[in-house]
Amino acid sequence: MLLKLLLLFILVPLVELVLLLYLADVLGWQHTLLLVIATGVAGTLLARSQGWRTWVRIRTELAAGQMPTESLLDAVLIFVAGALLLTPGILTDALGISLLVPWCRAGYRRRLVAWFKSRFTIRTAGAGARNSPAERHEVIDSYVIGQEEKDDTT
């Protein structure tokens, strides 16, 4: 895992630098700089609007008594998109902007959920409808609030 992270932190900036230098050679440094600034501004505007919509959706779902699972995952993906947009580069900006487009984010979310499901086992506990009456157990949770001293009358 450490090797993968090390490669990620070395290779991604190196690829970004090579790509920026290539674009500067082909387009000129002014156009390359303008492209980086334009993707940053577009990404910021998208992150702000998508973040606000997601925040409103989370509040609405919570007010309705529902767990906002998809909305929370969207919020995490929007946060990651913002972090990617902070790094200068074409590839990270493209990935960040794609995380901000709702239909692209839905695809990323599906893949991420599938990855989570393949890596983690979800188990539920409790008296469910599938348990037979012989298998049902009642669990009573208790704790001591206060303790009275015993009288020594002996």
C-alpha atoms as a PDB file:
ATOM      1  CA  MET A   1       0.000   0.000   0.000  1.00  0.00           C
ATOM      2  CA  LEU A   2       2.837   2.353   0.873  1.00  0.00           C
ATOM      3  CA  LEU A   3       4.475   1.655  -2.477  1.00  0.00           C
ATOM      4  CA  LYS A   4       1.232   2.459  -4.308  1.00  0.00           C
ATOM      5  CA  LEU A   5       0.875   5.771  -2.463  1.00  0.00           C
ATOM      6  CA  LEU A   6       4.507   6.623  -3.102  1.00  0.00           C
ATOM      7  CA  LEU A   7       4.083   5.915  -6.804  1.00  0.00           C
ATOM      8  CA  LEU A   8       0.875   7.970  -6.843  1.00  0.00           C
ATOM      9  CA  PHE A   9       2.538  10.981  -5.209  1.00  0.00           C
ATOM     10  CA  ILE A  10       5.521  10.761  -7.554  1.00  0.00           C
ATOM     11  CA  LEU A  11       3.948   9.718 -10.859  1.00  0.00           C
ATOM     12  CA  VAL A  12       0.888  11.968 -10.899  1.00  0.00           C
ATOM     13  CA  PRO A  13       2.814  15.246 -10.456  1.00  0.00           C
ATOM     14  CA  LEU A  14       5.434  14.034 -12.919  1.00  0.00           C
ATOM     15  CA  VAL A  15       2.805  13.220 -15.560  1.00  0.00           C
ATOM     16  CA  GLU A  16       1.077  16.551 -14.897  1.00  0.00           C
ATOM     17  CA  LEU A  17       4.351  18.422 -15.301  1.00  0.00           C
ATOM     18  CA  VAL A  18       5.213  16.643 -18.549  1.00  0.00           C
ATOM     19  CA  LEU A  19       1.719  17.316 -19.904  1.00  0.00           C
ATOM     20  CA  LEU A  20       1.880  21.006 -18.947  1.00  0.00           C
ATOM     21  CA  LEU A  21       5.294  21.382 -20.550  1.00  0.00           C
ATOM     22  CA  TYR A  22       4.076  19.634 -23.699  1.00  0.00           C
ATOM     23  CA  LEU A  23       0.992  21.872 -23.888  1.00  0.00           C
ATOM     24  CA  ALA A  24       3.158  24.939 -23.308  1.00  0.00           C
ATOM     25  CA  ASP A  25       5.364  23.861 -26.189  1.00  0.00           C
ATOM     26  CA  VAL A  26       2.409  23.196 -28.515  1.00  0.00           C
ATOM     27  CA  LEU A  27      -0.002  25.969 -27.497  1.00  0.00           C
ATOM     28  CA  GLY A  28       2.359  28.456 -25.904  1.00  0.00           C
ATOM     29  CA  TRP A  29       2.766  29.165 -22.217  1.00  0.00           C
ATOM     30  CA  GLN A  30       0.083  31.886 -22.199  1.00  0.00           C
ATOM     31  CA  HIS A  31      -2.622  29.582 -23.552  1.00  0.00           C
ATOM     32  CA  THR A  32      -1.548  26.764 -21.234  1.00  0.00           C
ATOM     33  CA  LEU A  33      -1.730  29.093 -18.246  1.00  0.00           C
ATOM     34  CA  LEU A  34      -5.129  30.330 -19.410  1.00  0.00           C
ATOM     35  CA  LEU A  35      -6.329  26.724 -19.727  1.00  0.00           C
ATOM     36  CA  VAL A  36      -5.230  25.882 -16.173  1.00  0.00           C
ATOM     37  CA  ILE A  37      -6.900  29.030 -14.816  1.00  0.00           C
ATOM     38  CA  ALA A  38     -10.107  28.391 -16.800  1.00  0.00           C
ATOM     39  CA  THR A  39     -10.404  24.805 -15.550  1.00  0.00           C
ATOM     40  CA  GLY A  40      -9.804  26.013 -11.999  1.00  0.00           C
ATOM     41  CA  VAL A  41     -12.504  28.698 -12.228  1.00  0.00           C
ATOM     42  CA  ALA A  42     -14.994  26.353 -13.916  1.00  0.00           C
ATOM     43  CA  GLY A  43     -14.290  23.691 -11.315  1.00  0.00           C
ATOM     44  CA  THR A  44     -14.741  26.150  -8.461  1.00  0.00           C
ATOM     45  CA  LEU A  45     -18.103  27.297  -9.791  1.00  0.00           C
ATOM     46  CA  LEU A  46     -19.254  23.709 -10.338  1.00  0.00           C
ATOM     47  CA  ALA A  47     -18.039  22.623  -6.877  1.00  0.00           C
ATOM     48  CA  ARG A  48     -19.896  25.478  -5.250  1.00  0.00           C
ATOM     49  CA  SER A  49     -23.206  24.795  -7.006  1.00  0.00           C
ATOM     50  CA  GLN A  50     -23.018  21.002  -6.680  1.00  0.00           C
ATOM     51  CA  GLY A  51     -21.922  21.267  -3.046  1.00  0.00           C
ATOM     52  CA  TRP A  52     -24.867  23.535  -2.240  1.00  0.00           C
ATOM     53  CA  ARG A  53     -27.349  21.226  -3.996  1.00  0.00           C
ATOM     54  CA  THR A  54     -25.955  18.236  -2.139  1.00  0.00           C
ATOM     55  CA  TRP A  55     -26.144  20.085   1.184  1.00  0.00           C
ATOM     56  CA  VAL A  56     -29.806  20.944   0.560  1.00  0.00           C
ATOM     57  CA  ARG A  57     -30.528  17.334  -0.453  1.00  0.00           C
ATOM     58  CA  ILE A  58     -28.877  16.015   2.746  1.00  0.00           C
ATOM     59  CA  ARG A  59     -30.920  18.380   4.911  1.00  0.00           C
ATOM     60  CA  THR A  60     -34.141  17.455   3.083  1.00  0.00           C
ATOM     61  CA  GLU A  61     -33.526  13.728   3.490  1.00  0.00           C
ATOM     62  CA  LEU A  62     -32.664  14.120   7.171  1.00  0.00           C
ATOM     63  CA  ALA A  63     -35.795  16.208   7.744  1.00  0.00           C
ATOM     64  CA  ALA A  64     -37.830  13.426   6.126  1.00  0.00           C
ATOM     65  CA  GLY A  65     -36.283  10.901   8.533  1.00  0.00           C
ATOM     66  CA  GLN A  66     -34.237   9.154   5.837  1.00  0.00           C
ATOM     67  CA  MET A  67     -30.562   8.275   5.926  1.00  0.00           C
ATOM     68  CA  PRO A  68     -28.842  10.367   3.200  1.00  0.00           C
ATOM     69  CA  THR A  69     -26.407   7.669   2.060  1.00  0.00           C
ATOM     70  CA  GLU A  70     -26.136   8.651  -1.609  1.00  0.00           C
ATOM     71  CA  SER A  71     -26.051  12.333  -0.748  1.00  0.00           C
ATOM     72  CA  LEU A  72     -23.272  11.841   1.785  1.00  0.00           C
ATOM     73  CA  LEU A  73     -21.254   9.861  -0.739  1.00  0.00           C
ATOM     74  CA  ASP A  74     -21.855  12.660  -3.255  1.00  0.00           C
ATOM     75  CA  ALA A  75     -20.585  15.151  -0.678  1.00  0.00           C
ATOM     76  CA  VAL A  76     -17.387  13.129  -0.233  1.00  0.00           C
ATOM     77  CA  LEU A  77     -16.891  12.928  -4.009  1.00  0.00           C
ATOM     78  CA  ILE A  78     -17.435  16.692  -4.331  1.00  0.00           C
ATOM     79  CA  PHE A  79     -14.865  17.243  -1.581  1.00  0.00           C
ATOM     80  CA  VAL A  80     -12.368  15.024  -3.437  1.00  0.00           C
ATOM     81  CA  ALA A  81     -13.124  16.970  -6.627  1.00  0.00           C
ATOM     82  CA  GLY A  82     -12.316  20.212  -4.829  1.00  0.00           C
ATOM     83  CA  ALA A  83      -9.014  18.774  -3.615  1.00  0.00           C
ATOM     84  CA  LEU A  84      -8.157  17.644  -7.155  1.00  0.00           C
ATOM     85  CA  LEU A  85      -8.992  21.097  -8.515  1.00  0.00           C
ATOM     86  CA  LEU A  86      -6.583  22.678  -6.036  1.00  0.00           C
ATOM     87  CA  THR A  87      -3.656  20.874  -7.629  1.00  0.00           C
ATOM     88  CA  PRO A  88      -2.432  22.530 -10.798  1.00  0.00           C
ATOM     89  CA  GLY A  89      -2.627  20.271 -13.796  1.00  0.00           C
ATOM     90  CA  ILE A  90      -4.773  19.143 -16.657  1.00  0.00           C
ATOM     91  CA  LEU A  91      -5.435  15.528 -15.647  1.00  0.00           C
ATOM     92  CA  THR A  92      -6.360  16.307 -12.041  1.00  0.00           C
ATOM     93  CA  ASP A  93      -8.599  19.160 -13.188  1.00  0.00           C
ATOM     94  CA  ALA A  94     -10.317  16.897 -15.721  1.00  0.00           C
ATOM     95  CA  LEU A  95     -10.900  14.213 -13.079  1.00  0.00           C
ATOM     96  CA  GLY A  96     -12.095  16.848 -10.577  1.00  0.00           C
ATOM     97  CA  ILE A  97     -14.539  18.381 -13.041  1.00  0.00           C
ATOM     98  CA  SER A  98     -15.838  14.932 -14.006  1.00  0.00           C
ATOM     99  CA  LEU A  99     -16.543  14.296 -10.305  1.00  0.00           C
ATOM    100  CA  LEU A 100     -18.639  17.467 -10.270  1.00  0.00           C
ATOM    101  CA  VAL A 101     -20.849  16.547 -13.229  1.00  0.00           C
ATOM    102  CA  PRO A 102     -23.878  14.740 -11.708  1.00  0.00           C
ATOM    103  CA  TRP A 103     -24.189  11.912 -14.241  1.00  0.00           C
ATOM    104  CA  CYS A 104     -20.429  11.226 -14.146  1.00  0.00           C
ATOM    105  CA  ARG A 105     -20.492  11.305 -10.346  1.00  0.00           C
ATOM    106  CA  ALA A 106     -23.304   8.741 -10.364  1.00  0.00           C
ATOM    107  CA  GLY A 107     -21.043   6.359 -12.309  1.00  0.00           C
ATOM    108  CA  TYR A 108     -18.173   6.920  -9.877  1.00  0.00           C
ATOM    109  CA  ARG A 109     -20.580   6.401  -6.972  1.00  0.00           C
ATOM    110  CA  ARG A 110     -21.794   3.070  -8.412  1.00  0.00           C
ATOM    111  CA  ARG A 111     -18.218   1.848  -8.827  1.00  0.00           C
ATOM    112  CA  LEU A 112     -17.283   3.016  -5.340  1.00  0.00           C
ATOM    113  CA  VAL A 113     -20.271   1.264  -3.759  1.00  0.00           C
ATOM    114  CA  ALA A 114     -19.421  -1.924  -5.672  1.00  0.00           C
ATOM    115  CA  TRP A 115     -15.834  -1.657  -4.431  1.00  0.00           C
ATOM    116  CA  PHE A 116     -17.017  -1.179  -0.820  1.00  0.00           C
ATOM    117  CA  LYS A 117     -19.349  -4.153  -1.105  1.00  0.00           C
ATOM    118  CA  SER A 118     -16.551  -6.353  -2.447  1.00  0.00           C
ATOM    119  CA  ARG A 119     -14.199  -5.359   0.384  1.00  0.00           C
ATOM    120  CA  PHE A 120     -16.516  -5.276   3.389  1.00  0.00           C
ATOM    121  CA  THR A 121     -19.066  -7.655   4.843  1.00  0.00           C
ATOM    122  CA  ILE A 122     -22.253  -6.133   6.185  1.00  0.00           C
ATOM    123  CA  ARG A 123     -24.024  -8.022   8.931  1.00  0.00           C
ATOM    124  CA  THR A 124     -27.129  -7.033  10.775  1.00  0.00           C
ATOM    125  CA  ALA A 125     -28.146  -8.138  14.222  1.00  0.00           C
ATOM    126  CA  GLY A 126     -31.457  -8.052  15.965  1.00  0.00           C
ATOM    127  CA  ALA A 127     -34.802  -9.725  15.979  1.00  0.00           C
ATOM    128  CA  GLY A 128     -35.830  -9.648  12.361  1.00  0.00           C
ATOM    129  CA  ALA A 129     -38.805 -11.137  10.565  1.00  0.00           C
ATOM    130  CA  ARG A 130     -36.639 -13.982   9.247  1.00  0.00           C
ATOM    131  CA  ASN A 131     -35.893 -15.378  12.705  1.00  0.00           C
ATOM    132  CA  SER A 132     -38.154 -18.129  13.977  1.00  0.00           C
ATOM    133  CA  PRO A 133     -39.705 -17.696  17.436  1.00  0.00           C
ATOM    134  CA  ALA A 134     -37.242 -20.226  18.846  1.00  0.00           C
ATOM    135  CA  GLU A 135     -34.294 -18.183  17.558  1.00  0.00           C
ATOM    136  CA  ARG A 136     -35.498 -14.829  18.876  1.00  0.00           C
ATOM    137  CA  HIS A 137     -33.790 -13.505  21.954  1.00  0.00           C
ATOM    138  CA  GLU A 138     -34.731 -10.447  23.897  1.00  0.00           C
ATOM    139  CA  VAL A 139     -31.802  -8.234  24.838  1.00  0.00           C
ATOM    140  CA  ILE A 140     -32.257  -5.768  27.657  1.00  0.00           C
ATOM    141  CA  ASP A 141     -29.624  -3.088  27.948  1.00  0.00           C
ATOM    142  CA  SER A 142     -29.205  -1.652  31.433  1.00  0.00           C
ATOM    143  CA  TYR A 143     -26.781   0.304  33.552  1.00  0.00           C
ATOM    144  CA  VAL A 144     -26.511   1.504  37.141  1.00  0.00           C
ATOM    145  CA  ILE A 145     -27.660   5.067  37.741  1.00  0.00           C
ATOM    146  CA  GLY A 146     -26.883   5.264  41.446  1.00  0.00           C
ATOM    147  CA  GLN A 147     -26.004   2.912  44.268  1.00  0.00           C
ATOM    148  CA  GLU A 148     -27.482   3.085  47.731  1.00  0.00           C
ATOM    149  CA  GLU A 149     -25.340   2.153  50.705  1.00  0.00           C
ATOM    150  CA  LYS A 150     -26.454  -0.823  52.752  1.00  0.00           C
ATOM    151  CA  ASP A 151     -27.306  -0.257  56.401  1.00  0.00           C
ATOM    152  CA  ASP A 152     -25.043  -2.129  58.794  1.00  0.00           C
ATOM    153  CA  THR A 153     -27.650  -3.271  61.345  1.00  0.00           C
ATOM    154  CA  THR A 154     -25.932  -6.485  62.309  1.00  0.00           C
END
